[in-house]
């Protein structure tokens, strides 16, 4: 029964977080940070399927997050909101319908990944990166010109769904859904990588020509892998939209994709454990850098020379993220974990769970 210990530990941690949030032992800010960590784990682990396990280089992962966010938001408002008229479904069904709303957003995002995976059959390396960036901008530009969902002004109304949950039971529902979908994402990726398709993904990473010679259908594997990664990113987008209660196309531009790439390379290419660890570290670092006192301390030598320069927290963030990536590439290009898992570094952990 030892292999169930990890599952039990995760369940205990999740329950403790939810209980603490419900009784106000952790404030709203801490809850937002925890939910952001969960969303970043989904983004980093899903992108790691492509950039790490498959060895390709895609730079537009946030585009699929955008698709999932908008599709989930529109369906959510149609079902439980008042923006488009009377709700289509009774408020009491929200707890059963909401996870399907997120999954539908993920499914549409998975289908949209064909815009990247199909053209990538005849391209390699930098060309795939260019295609993914182009698709990211195509999605953003298309949404900015759809005035019936707000266009460049953005789309809102998803809070009606959240209030419908609160009417049933006053609890930390979005934290509940983020925790569950984060665990679901990690479980799906572990099962996928250990499956026949996952072994085909790793074969493509090692040598695509050799994989084709060994009868691996590389085109099919690429499509499936892209769709799984994009679908999970779409679910992350749906969660993000319902946490904030508002979505704007520019929230999912190339900078958002860069965040996901930094987490992947920081954790280690092809390492699921590394992607999770880096998402936690990255989110924590970004929150620390929000402190004005810390920013002032870091910039005191610079502001002494340039006293009129008063950079915002956003500017500091986009100085530190590229700098972090440069430091990682310079001193530890393989990332924190390399291509290893925690069970490889600490073999005794293997007895707590089975990886098939």
Foldseek 3Di string as FASTA:
>chain_A
DLQCQVVVVLVVVLVVVFVCQFVVVDDPVVLVLLLQLLLLLLLQLLVLLVCFQQVADAQQLLLLLQQLQVQLQVLLCCQQNDPPHHHPHDLVCLVVCNVVSLLVLLQVLLVLLCQQLVVCVPDGHPVSHVSSQVSLVVSLQVQLPPPVQPRQNWHFGNVSNVVSVVVVPNTPVLSSVSSVLSVVSLVVSLVCCPDPLVVLSNVNNVPVVVSVVVVRPNSVSSSVSSSSSSSSSSSSSNSVCNVVRIDGSVVRHSVVSLLSVLLNQQQFRQESQRSSVSSSVVSVVLVVLQDPVVVCVVCVVVCVVVVVDDDHSVVVSVVVSVVSSVVCCVPPRRHDQRNDYPCVVVVVCCSNHPRD
